[in-house]
């Protein structure tokens, strides 16, 4: 809730948000407003007339944060530490000034702390057998046990915790699970063994703070695809939230006992590069509908649990809308209706929790080049807001349904 008071009636002002990430990179956003007849502004009801967004957007200054002009472009603002808040300076400037221009005199400012962990949430670093990661548990005074969720991101690798800590804040026992490029895990995505994910699922299922009988999993990109494999082959997994995933196994072969799902490959000859040097990988993944690639398809019809598929219709990383339809078609072909689809026009690839800054193009960690993720900022922000509530409903509701 952002309000400004003490202005002249109808006075034009520019509101700005400024934040530095853990590496010192500066991000900022701005929007144009006019005070009402009482000299006040309320971002929950008053519309922006220009700047980085227009319309009534209570959190617009947050989701439109982007690297400042002097910084390297295409950087993503992602909290690396969940134990300390992101400190955002909010400023009110005289007059309307364009993004990147010199702003008018500062009339007022305040610092806002954006926390990703509620007071009392516990973070437990894991080195349990072969499993690595962080387990987040809701505050100790809450009555448990809690629904258990495994949380995975995509091909950027490493340990990404902020979604897990937010899930714990909302009453889940959430395991942030890295699967490569972390501690003693494999450095690159060459091949994976599903037994690693099985060990993680069994650890979470047996935890005294986790309610049964099964656990859920949420994944984005490659993590979504692994979530599909987990719910297909692992009886411990009873619910899967798949954000912008593929319905076939990709890139790295996946082994489970004697079984191997080969990975679809990327054809770099099908990658286009814009005049600005931005890589577009939309057409590059091998076609999963080609009969020659059928061994890569994940046999999701074997799953006993439930699926929530979340896609942005303007995802340019790959064809996640098509892949969701292929998954739905496969389930229906086998008489299954154990799925729900959230499909968002204008949203891009990485649909994160609400008010995570939109990033249409981001530098790929592996390739080291800017890659187009797609989407339009306002539509993407609305998709993040809407899907977050639906994801929680799905995971909590399924726990009740499966327990009956």
Protein backbone atom coordinates (compact mmCIF):
# COMPACT_ATOMS: atom_id res chain seq x y z
CA UNK A 1 0.00 0.00 0.00
CA UNK A 2 1.76 3.16 -1.22
CA UNK A 3 0.37 6.61 -0.46
CA UNK A 4 1.66 10.15 -0.88
CA UNK A 5 0.21 13.13 1.03
CA UNK A 6 0.95 16.85 1.27
CA UNK A 7 1.04 17.63 -2.47
CA UNK A 8 -0.77 20.50 -4.17
CA UNK A 9 -4.12 19.53 -5.75
CA UNK A 10 -3.49 18.08 -9.23
CA UNK A 11 0.31 18.33 -8.83
CA UNK A 12 2.29 16.19 -11.32
CA UNK A 13 4.93 13.95 -9.72
CA UNK A 14 7.17 11.06 -10.68
CA UNK A 15 7.38 8.14 -8.26
CA UNK A 16 10.56 6.07 -8.36
CA UNK A 17 11.79 2.86 -6.80
CA UNK A 18 15.53 2.19 -6.48
CA UNK A 19 17.19 -0.99 -5.18
CA UNK A 20 20.69 -2.48 -5.25
CA UNK A 21 21.06 -6.25 -5.38
CA UNK A 22 23.60 -8.28 -3.38
CA UNK A 23 26.29 -7.59 -6.00
CA UNK A 24 25.69 -3.84 -5.92
CA UNK A 25 23.90 -3.67 -9.28
CA UNK A 26 21.33 -0.84 -9.30
CA UNK A 27 17.74 -1.39 -10.45
CA UNK A 28 15.11 1.31 -10.77
CA UNK A 29 11.60 2.08 -12.03
CA UNK A 30 9.41 5.17 -12.33
CA UNK A 31 5.80 6.18 -13.01
CA UNK A 32 3.89 9.45 -13.55
CA UNK A 33 1.02 10.47 -11.29
CA UNK A 34 -1.14 13.48 -10.50
CA UNK A 35 -2.35 14.29 -7.00
CA UNK A 36 -6.10 14.33 -6.36
CA UNK A 37 -8.07 17.37 -5.19
CA UNK A 38 -6.78 16.87 -1.65
CA UNK A 39 -3.15 16.72 -2.73
CA UNK A 40 -2.93 12.97 -2.16
CA UNK A 41 -2.03 9.84 -4.13
CA UNK A 42 -2.97 6.23 -3.50
CA UNK A 43 -1.33 3.71 -5.84
CA UNK A 44 -4.10 1.22 -5.08
CA UNK A 45 -6.71 3.41 -6.77
CA UNK A 46 -4.86 6.10 -8.80
CA UNK A 47 -3.58 5.42 -12.30
CA UNK A 48 -0.10 6.03 -13.64
CA UNK A 49 -0.13 8.14 -16.80
CA UNK A 50 3.36 7.23 -18.03
CA UNK A 51 6.83 6.05 -17.16
CA UNK A 52 7.51 2.32 -16.93
CA UNK A 53 3.81 1.38 -16.79
CA UNK A 54 0.34 2.92 -17.02
CA UNK A 55 -2.93 2.26 -15.24
CA UNK A 56 -3.79 1.31 -11.66
CA UNK A 57 -0.94 -0.96 -10.57
CA UNK A 58 -0.42 -1.00 -6.76
CA UNK A 59 2.88 -2.94 -7.14
CA UNK A 60 3.93 -1.56 -10.52
CA UNK A 61 7.05 0.11 -9.17
CA UNK A 62 8.23 -3.31 -7.97
CA UNK A 63 7.52 -5.53 -10.97
CA UNK A 64 8.86 -2.94 -13.41
CA UNK A 65 12.27 -2.65 -11.72
CA UNK A 66 15.03 -2.98 -14.35
CA UNK A 67 18.80 -2.41 -14.48
CA UNK A 68 19.68 1.30 -14.29
CA UNK A 69 21.13 2.92 -17.39
CA UNK A 70 24.75 2.65 -16.23
CA UNK A 71 24.43 -1.09 -15.46
CA UNK A 72 24.84 -4.05 -17.77
CA UNK A 73 21.46 -4.72 -19.37
CA UNK A 74 19.52 -7.99 -19.22
CA UNK A 75 20.26 -8.72 -15.57
CA UNK A 76 17.58 -10.36 -13.45
CA UNK A 77 16.77 -9.06 -9.96
CA UNK A 78 16.51 -12.26 -7.90
CA UNK A 79 17.04 -12.35 -4.12
CA UNK A 80 20.09 -14.50 -3.35
CA UNK A 81 19.56 -14.45 0.41
CA UNK A 82 16.18 -15.06 2.03
CA UNK A 83 17.36 -14.09 5.52
CA UNK A 84 17.76 -10.38 4.78
CA UNK A 85 15.21 -8.06 3.18
CA UNK A 86 15.48 -6.36 -0.18
CA UNK A 87 15.69 -2.66 0.69
CA UNK A 88 13.80 -0.49 -1.79
CA UNK A 89 14.03 3.31 -1.69
CA UNK A 90 10.80 5.01 -2.78
CA UNK A 91 11.10 8.61 -3.97
CA UNK A 92 8.68 11.34 -5.01
CA UNK A 93 10.06 13.81 -7.60
CA UNK A 94 8.57 17.08 -8.80
CA UNK A 95 7.09 16.95 -12.30
CA UNK A 96 7.02 14.16 -14.87
CA UNK A 97 10.39 12.82 -16.01
CA UNK A 98 11.00 9.97 -18.44
CA UNK A 99 12.76 6.71 -17.52
CA UNK A 100 16.51 7.22 -17.78
CA UNK A 101 16.24 11.03 -17.70
CA UNK A 102 17.36 13.33 -14.89
CA UNK A 103 14.49 13.53 -12.42
CA UNK A 104 13.16 16.64 -10.72
CA UNK A 105 13.87 17.63 -7.10
CA UNK A 106 13.08 15.00 -4.46
CA UNK A 107 10.01 15.99 -2.42
CA UNK A 108 9.79 12.91 -0.18
CA UNK A 109 11.33 9.48 0.24
CA UNK A 110 10.96 6.35 2.34
CA UNK A 111 12.67 2.98 2.58
CA UNK A 112 10.65 -0.18 2.15
CA UNK A 113 11.88 -3.62 3.20
CA UNK A 114 10.67 -6.50 1.08
CA UNK A 115 10.99 -9.70 3.09
CA UNK A 116 10.89 -13.18 1.53
CA UNK A 117 10.68 -15.01 4.86
CA UNK A 118 8.12 -14.39 7.59
CA UNK A 119 9.35 -14.13 11.20
CA UNK A 120 9.82 -17.59 12.66
CA UNK A 121 10.28 -19.47 9.38
CA UNK A 122 13.13 -21.95 9.84
CA UNK A 123 15.77 -22.61 7.20
CA UNK A 124 17.64 -25.90 7.48
CA UNK A 125 20.56 -26.53 5.12
CA UNK A 126 20.54 -30.12 3.91
CA UNK A 127 23.31 -32.60 3.35
CA UNK A 128 21.17 -35.69 3.79
CA UNK A 129 22.63 -38.72 1.97
CA UNK A 130 23.04 -37.51 -1.58
CA UNK A 131 20.43 -34.76 -1.28
CA UNK A 132 21.46 -31.11 -1.13
CA UNK A 133 19.41 -27.96 -0.62
CA UNK A 134 17.46 -26.05 2.00
CA UNK A 135 14.33 -27.04 3.88
CA UNK A 136 12.04 -24.19 4.95
CA UNK A 137 9.50 -24.84 7.70
CA UNK A 138 6.62 -22.54 8.77
CA UNK A 139 6.95 -20.68 12.09
CA UNK A 140 7.36 -22.94 15.12
CA UNK A 141 4.20 -21.67 16.84
CA UNK A 142 2.08 -22.90 13.91
CA UNK A 143 0.44 -26.29 14.30
CA UNK A 144 1.90 -28.85 11.94
CA UNK A 145 2.31 -31.09 10.14
CA UNK A 146 2.33 -29.19 6.86
CA UNK A 147 1.92 -30.14 3.20
CA UNK A 148 5.38 -30.90 1.77
CA UNK A 149 6.57 -29.37 -1.51
CA UNK A 150 9.81 -29.83 -3.45
CA UNK A 151 10.79 -26.65 -5.33
CA UNK A 152 13.06 -26.62 -8.40
CA UNK A 153 14.15 -24.04 -10.96
CA UNK A 154 15.63 -24.45 -14.41
CA UNK A 155 18.87 -24.61 -16.33
CA UNK A 156 20.49 -21.76 -14.38
CA UNK A 157 21.47 -24.38 -11.78
CA UNK A 158 22.50 -23.73 -8.20
CA UNK A 159 20.29 -23.18 -5.17
CA UNK A 160 17.40 -20.72 -5.60
CA UNK A 161 15.48 -20.34 -2.34
CA UNK A 162 13.10 -17.39 -2.44
CA UNK A 163 10.05 -19.30 -3.71
CA UNK A 164 10.59 -22.01 -1.07
CA UNK A 165 10.85 -19.44 1.73
CA UNK A 166 7.65 -17.77 0.51
CA UNK A 167 5.88 -21.14 0.39
CA UNK A 168 6.94 -21.77 4.01
CA UNK A 169 5.59 -18.32 4.88
CA UNK A 170 2.24 -19.56 3.50
CA UNK A 171 2.18 -22.80 5.47
CA UNK A 172 4.16 -25.33 3.41
CA UNK A 173 7.20 -27.38 4.33
CA UNK A 174 9.22 -26.48 1.24
CA UNK A 175 12.44 -28.13 0.09
CA UNK A 176 14.48 -25.97 -2.28
CA UNK A 177 16.21 -28.67 -4.32
CA UNK A 178 19.24 -27.95 -6.54
CA UNK A 179 20.17 -30.68 -9.00
CA UNK A 180 23.36 -29.42 -10.62
CA UNK A 181 26.07 -26.79 -10.17
CA UNK A 182 25.85 -26.80 -6.38
CA UNK A 183 28.39 -28.17 -3.89
CA UNK A 184 29.22 -31.76 -4.90
CA UNK A 185 26.37 -32.12 -7.42
CA UNK A 186 27.25 -32.42 -11.15
CA UNK A 187 28.61 -29.18 -12.60
CA UNK A 188 26.65 -29.34 -15.86
CA UNK A 189 23.40 -30.84 -17.16
CA UNK A 190 24.79 -33.95 -18.85
CA UNK A 191 22.64 -36.71 -17.40
CA UNK A 192 20.44 -37.13 -14.34
CA UNK A 193 19.39 -40.05 -12.16
CA UNK A 194 15.82 -39.96 -10.90
CA UNK A 195 17.01 -41.76 -7.77
CA UNK A 196 18.38 -38.39 -6.53
CA UNK A 197 14.90 -36.87 -6.74
CA UNK A 198 13.39 -40.02 -5.24
CA UNK A 199 15.69 -39.69 -2.24
CA UNK A 200 14.60 -36.07 -1.81
CA UNK A 201 10.91 -37.01 -2.04
CA UNK A 202 11.32 -39.79 0.54
CA UNK A 203 13.23 -37.51 2.89
CA UNK A 204 10.47 -34.88 2.73
CA UNK A 205 7.64 -37.42 2.98
CA UNK A 206 9.14 -38.95 6.14
CA UNK A 207 9.90 -35.63 7.83
CA UNK A 208 7.91 -35.32 11.10
CA UNK A 209 6.69 -31.84 10.12
CA UNK A 210 5.27 -33.06 6.77
CA UNK A 211 1.70 -34.36 6.43
CA UNK A 212 1.09 -37.30 4.16
CA UNK A 213 0.54 -39.43 2.44
CA UNK A 214 2.49 -37.84 -0.44
CA UNK A 215 4.33 -34.65 -1.34
CA UNK A 216 3.98 -32.09 -4.09
CA UNK A 217 6.56 -30.63 -6.43
CA UNK A 218 6.77 -27.26 -8.18
CA UNK A 219 9.21 -26.59 -10.99
CA UNK A 220 9.98 -23.95 -13.61
CA UNK A 221 11.52 -24.73 -17.03
CA UNK A 222 13.75 -27.78 -16.71
CA UNK A 223 12.48 -28.08 -13.14
CA UNK A 224 8.90 -28.38 -14.46
CA UNK A 225 9.92 -31.17 -16.77
CA UNK A 226 11.64 -32.98 -13.88
CA UNK A 227 8.44 -32.49 -11.86
CA UNK A 228 6.53 -34.33 -14.61
CA UNK A 229 8.99 -37.23 -14.42
CA UNK A 230 8.78 -37.32 -10.62
CA UNK A 231 4.99 -37.54 -10.46
CA UNK A 232 5.06 -40.14 -13.26
CA UNK A 233 7.58 -42.54 -11.72
CA UNK A 234 7.67 -41.79 -7.98
CA UNK A 235 4.65 -42.84 -5.88
CA UNK A 236 5.73 -40.41 -3.14
CA UNK A 237 4.84 -37.47 -5.44
CA UNK A 238 1.09 -36.84 -5.71
CA UNK A 239 0.88 -33.29 -7.10
CA UNK A 240 2.98 -31.43 -9.67
CA UNK A 241 2.96 -27.72 -10.56
CA UNK A 242 4.72 -27.36 -13.91
CA UNK A 243 5.56 -23.79 -14.94
CA UNK A 244 6.71 -23.29 -18.54
CA UNK A 245 7.90 -26.88 -18.90
CA UNK A 246 8.20 -29.40 -21.71
CA UNK A 247 6.18 -32.63 -21.80
CA UNK A 248 9.25 -34.52 -23.05
CA UNK A 249 12.62 -34.97 -21.40
CA UNK A 250 15.14 -32.45 -22.78
CA UNK A 251 18.90 -31.93 -23.07
CA UNK A 252 20.11 -34.40 -20.43
CA UNK A 253 19.28 -38.11 -20.46
CA UNK A 254 17.23 -39.19 -17.43
CA UNK A 255 17.95 -42.60 -15.88
CA UNK A 256 15.82 -44.53 -13.40
CA UNK A 257 16.93 -48.07 -12.71
CA UNK A 258 17.10 -49.82 -16.09
CA UNK A 259 15.02 -47.13 -17.81
CA UNK A 260 16.44 -44.17 -19.74
CA UNK A 261 14.51 -41.24 -21.18
CA UNK A 262 16.77 -39.62 -23.81
CA UNK A 263 16.75 -35.84 -23.96
CA UNK A 264 15.48 -33.76 -26.84
CA UNK A 265 18.33 -31.64 -28.20
CA UNK A 266 18.66 -27.99 -29.13
CA UNK A 267 19.67 -27.25 -32.72
CA UNK A 268 21.78 -24.09 -32.50
CA UNK A 269 21.32 -23.58 -36.24
CA UNK A 270 17.69 -22.74 -35.49
CA UNK A 271 18.59 -19.98 -33.01
CA UNK A 272 18.07 -16.50 -34.43
CA UNK A 273 19.97 -13.44 -33.21
CA UNK A 274 18.53 -9.91 -33.35
CA UNK A 275 20.47 -6.80 -34.36
CA UNK A 276 20.79 -6.04 -30.63
CA UNK A 277 22.49 -9.42 -30.07
CA UNK A 278 19.53 -11.07 -28.34
CA UNK A 279 19.22 -14.81 -28.93
CA UNK A 280 15.79 -16.28 -29.77
CA UNK A 281 15.66 -20.04 -29.01
CA UNK A 282 11.92 -20.50 -29.71
CA UNK A 283 12.40 -22.83 -32.69
CA UNK A 284 15.59 -24.54 -31.53
CA UNK A 285 14.33 -27.51 -29.50
CA UNK A 286 13.78 -30.75 -31.41
CA UNK A 287 10.11 -31.30 -32.26
CA UNK A 288 8.52 -33.56 -29.61
CA UNK A 289 5.69 -34.44 -32.04
CA UNK A 290 8.16 -36.02 -34.48
CA UNK A 291 7.70 -39.81 -34.13
CA UNK A 292 11.50 -40.16 -34.09
CA UNK A 293 11.49 -38.29 -30.76
CA UNK A 294 8.77 -40.37 -29.08
CA UNK A 295 11.31 -42.12 -26.77
CA UNK A 296 11.87 -38.71 -25.10
CA UNK A 297 8.19 -38.30 -24.15
CA UNK A 298 7.44 -38.56 -20.43
CA UNK A 299 4.67 -41.19 -19.98
CA UNK A 300 2.63 -38.93 -17.69
CA UNK A 301 -0.48 -41.07 -18.18
CA UNK A 302 1.08 -43.44 -15.62
CA UNK A 303 0.83 -40.78 -12.90
CA UNK A 304 -1.77 -41.30 -10.18
CA UNK A 305 -1.49 -37.72 -8.91
CA UNK A 306 -2.68 -34.36 -10.22
CA UNK A 307 -1.08 -31.79 -12.52
CA UNK A 308 -1.29 -28.00 -12.60
CA UNK A 309 0.21 -26.68 -15.83
CA UNK A 310 1.12 -22.97 -15.86
CA UNK A 311 2.20 -21.32 -19.13
CA UNK A 312 2.70 -17.89 -20.62
CA UNK A 313 1.31 -17.69 -24.13
CA UNK A 314 4.15 -15.36 -25.17
CA UNK A 315 6.92 -17.64 -23.85
CA UNK A 316 9.78 -17.25 -26.36
CA UNK A 317 12.25 -19.50 -24.57
CA UNK A 318 10.42 -22.49 -26.02
CA UNK A 319 6.89 -23.56 -26.95
CA UNK A 320 5.52 -24.16 -23.46
CA UNK A 321 1.90 -23.55 -24.56
CA UNK A 322 2.23 -26.29 -27.18
CA UNK A 323 3.95 -28.61 -24.72
CA UNK A 324 1.11 -28.14 -22.20
CA UNK A 325 -1.42 -29.01 -24.90
CA UNK A 326 0.60 -32.12 -25.80
CA UNK A 327 0.57 -33.16 -22.14
CA UNK A 328 -3.19 -32.60 -21.88
CA UNK A 329 -3.76 -34.52 -25.11
CA UNK A 330 -1.72 -37.44 -23.83
CA UNK A 331 -3.64 -37.56 -20.55
CA UNK A 332 -7.04 -37.35 -22.28
CA UNK A 333 -6.02 -40.02 -24.76
CA UNK A 334 -5.67 -42.34 -21.77
CA UNK A 335 -8.97 -41.27 -20.22
CA UNK A 336 -7.42 -38.99 -17.59
CA UNK A 337 -8.74 -35.64 -16.39
CA UNK A 338 -6.29 -35.22 -13.50
CA UNK A 339 -5.03 -31.81 -14.63
CA UNK A 340 -5.75 -28.08 -14.65
CA UNK A 341 -4.25 -25.49 -17.01
CA UNK A 342 -3.47 -21.82 -16.31
CA UNK A 343 -2.63 -20.17 -19.63
CA UNK A 344 -1.82 -16.45 -19.62
CA UNK A 345 -1.91 -14.24 -22.74
CA UNK A 346 1.05 -11.85 -22.87
CA UNK A 347 3.07 -13.66 -20.19
CA UNK A 348 6.62 -14.83 -20.87
CA UNK A 349 8.73 -17.77 -19.74
CA UNK A 350 9.58 -17.42 -16.06
CA UNK A 351 6.40 -16.96 -14.04
CA UNK A 352 7.61 -16.29 -10.49
CA UNK A 353 5.83 -15.24 -7.25
CA UNK A 354 4.05 -11.86 -7.34
CA UNK A 355 5.89 -8.60 -8.00
CA UNK A 356 9.09 -10.35 -9.05
CA UNK A 357 10.56 -7.87 -11.57
CA UNK A 358 9.67 -8.71 -15.16
CA UNK A 359 12.68 -9.54 -17.32
CA UNK A 360 11.88 -9.99 -21.02
CA UNK A 361 15.51 -10.71 -21.90
CA UNK A 362 18.02 -12.23 -19.47
CA UNK A 363 21.64 -13.29 -19.79
CA UNK A 364 21.74 -17.08 -19.89
CA UNK A 365 24.05 -18.47 -17.24
CA UNK A 366 25.30 -21.32 -19.45
CA UNK A 367 25.52 -19.58 -22.83
CA UNK A 368 26.59 -16.22 -21.41
CA UNK A 369 24.43 -14.37 -23.96
CA UNK A 370 21.11 -12.52 -23.64
CA UNK A 371 18.17 -14.85 -24.40
CA UNK A 372 14.61 -13.77 -25.14
CA UNK A 373 12.12 -14.99 -22.55
CA UNK A 374 9.16 -13.17 -24.09
CA UNK A 375 6.16 -11.52 -22.54
CA UNK A 376 4.86 -8.02 -21.87
CA UNK A 377 5.48 -6.51 -18.45
CA UNK A 378 1.95 -5.79 -17.23
CA UNK A 379 0.43 -9.05 -18.53
CA UNK A 380 3.32 -11.02 -17.05
CA UNK A 381 2.96 -9.28 -13.68
CA UNK A 382 -0.75 -10.10 -13.60
CA UNK A 383 0.01 -13.74 -14.46
CA UNK A 384 2.43 -13.93 -11.53
CA UNK A 385 -0.15 -12.44 -9.17
CA UNK A 386 -2.99 -14.73 -10.27
CA UNK A 387 -1.03 -17.98 -10.57
CA UNK A 388 0.56 -17.66 -7.12
CA UNK A 389 -2.82 -17.90 -5.38
CA UNK A 390 -3.96 -20.74 -7.64
CA UNK A 391 -0.74 -22.70 -7.04
CA UNK A 392 -1.25 -22.52 -3.27
CA UNK A 393 -4.91 -23.52 -3.60
CA UNK A 394 -3.92 -26.48 -5.78
CA UNK A 395 -1.24 -27.76 -3.41
CA UNK A 396 -3.32 -27.31 -0.26
CA UNK A 397 -6.53 -28.58 -1.83
CA UNK A 398 -4.92 -31.71 -3.21
CA UNK A 399 -3.52 -32.59 0.20
CA UNK A 400 -7.05 -32.68 1.57
CA UNK A 401 -8.40 -34.59 -1.41
CA UNK A 402 -5.71 -37.27 -1.36
CA UNK A 403 -5.94 -37.75 2.42
CA UNK A 404 -9.68 -38.58 2.32
